[in-house]
């Protein structure tokens, strides 16, 4: 191997090692002190109660910020604040301050059995009075829908579908029927 070819080979090897070394040092530097404090400020109407949700979060990196904000909105939705939205995101020093408008607290007027067969309603444990004048809970709605569908699948309706019909949303109240 000529001396010139050896130096070219050596130069290429050194460049590879330097690239790897720089990459790992950047990775270590990026991981150092990468915790991101986030403060949530919630605005809600005087008629509704304060949402039961954390006001601060410490995130491992900035990529977690959209996920954390989305989780805050979903937690508000679970508590009946269906119109929750982010008003602003502002960096103050190293802390992200997120303002969220919780919006109105939604309540069921009624969730009626609609045209679902009575056996499925009774067998699933669904009761209209559980929804009448209670705050909207997506978890409770999904649990009831799954119970009805599971009953229908067990008793000869494997392809049954369930949806809401005659949906009426007025101000912050919801009324609907199963179909």
Foldseek 3Di string as FASTA:
>chain_A
DDPVVVVVVVVVVVVVVVVVVVVVVVVVVCQPPAKAKEAEAEAEDPVDDDQDDDGIDIDSHPVCVVVVVVVVLVSLVQQQLVPKDWDDWDDDPRYIYTYIYSYYFAAEQWEAAPPQDPCLCVQLVPDGVVRHGGTDGPVVVVSSLVSSQVVCCVVPNVPDDKDWDPWDQDRRYIYTYID
